[in-house]
Amino acid sequence: MARGAFTIGEDEVAPGERRLISLPMSALANRTPMALPVSVIHGKRDGPTLFVSAALHGDELTGVAICRRLLASKALAVTRGTLLMVPIVNAFGFIGHSRYLPDRRDLNRSFPGSPKGSLAAQLAYIFLNEVVARSDCGIDLHSAAIHRCNLPQIRVDSHDEEALRLAQAFGAPIIVHSTPHESSLRRTAHEKGVPVIVYEGGEGLRVDELSVSVGVRGVLHVMGHLGMIRKRGGKRRAPALSTSSRWVRAEESGIFRPFKGIGDHVDAGERIGVVADPYGESETDVVASLAGIVIGRANIPAVNQGDALFHIARVENAPQLGAHYERLNRELDTERLLDEDEIR
């Protein structure tokens, strides 16, 4: 029996076809109509449906760059199943360079949403029912908030075996166990039987090549794992799994000077930075509270007491993982040159 068309909104996408579908949303205050664009690639042969989303938080641009590069890539030759790619979910925040929507709500705390609720609730409802509920699994792309940066990593509930397999296939340097928040996309999707993994990399309102490169390769690895595209060759290092992590916070207000960057290994009790009084009268050490890998760090020098400075993940092979991340950085330019004909 021939494969049928994929229906989304009021549109149908034939097998072997690629189309950009616009799902109508609320208009702006000046009556400019808004839509949720979804790039649909419907393979000629049966297979799973995967959604890839970005910019749930409008100021997180890493995922937007990953989606753009994937959609321009020759490697995205879907032969089985269906890919639903949404580079910008929160268009309102994206336009305004804001994490939130105009109603000041966090879209990733607004699921499952409502067709008659707030703007955030309406957008969550459309995205959940038109994209997520039509999928078998998903990858949600994120970065750190503004003034912070994240090591490329996957966050997943490690007790969810199906989601953990997707996380391992992605191949980021580290997998961090993370229980999904109430009303988040990941929690709501899980309740609907759709396993979702979250990729974190880079900084809000910024795009860095390493985070984009790891993200592009990770999505392709998952698609290969699902049989949607040809599997990519080459040996890959198995990602480390961290089952716990902790933020180190500023004990005093002042000017923050870090001694460690993302990907660095730290020992418990190690001096990893200082917070100094602007007038030079005092200096407070920032000390690692556990041994592990720095997976997140504040970038802004002016900090207040209690601000999060370093996010440290506990892993068994922390020194080896730190060295692996350094090699990943050094090899980035070479890898990009090798792939430039396949991934632009």
Foldseek 3Di string as FASTA:
>chain_A
DWDAWDDFDNDTAGAQGWDWDWAWADADPVRHTHTQIKIKGHARAEFFEEEEEEPLFQQFQQQLLLVVLLVVFPQPRFHYGMYIYGSHLQVQCVVVNGRDHPVRDRLQQQPPADCPDDRSSNSNVSCCVRPLLRGQEYEYEGEAEAQKWFQWEKEFQVVPPVLVVLRQLLQGQAYEYDDDDHNGPQVVSVVSNYHYMYIYGTHGNDYDLLNSVSRNSSVSSSCCVRVRGPHDDDDGDGHFYFHDKDFQFAQAWAFKDFQDDFLDWDAAQDFGIWGAHPVRPDIGTGGHHHTATFGMAGRGGGDHGGHGGTMGTDTPPRVVSSVVVVVSVVCSVVVCVVCVNRGD
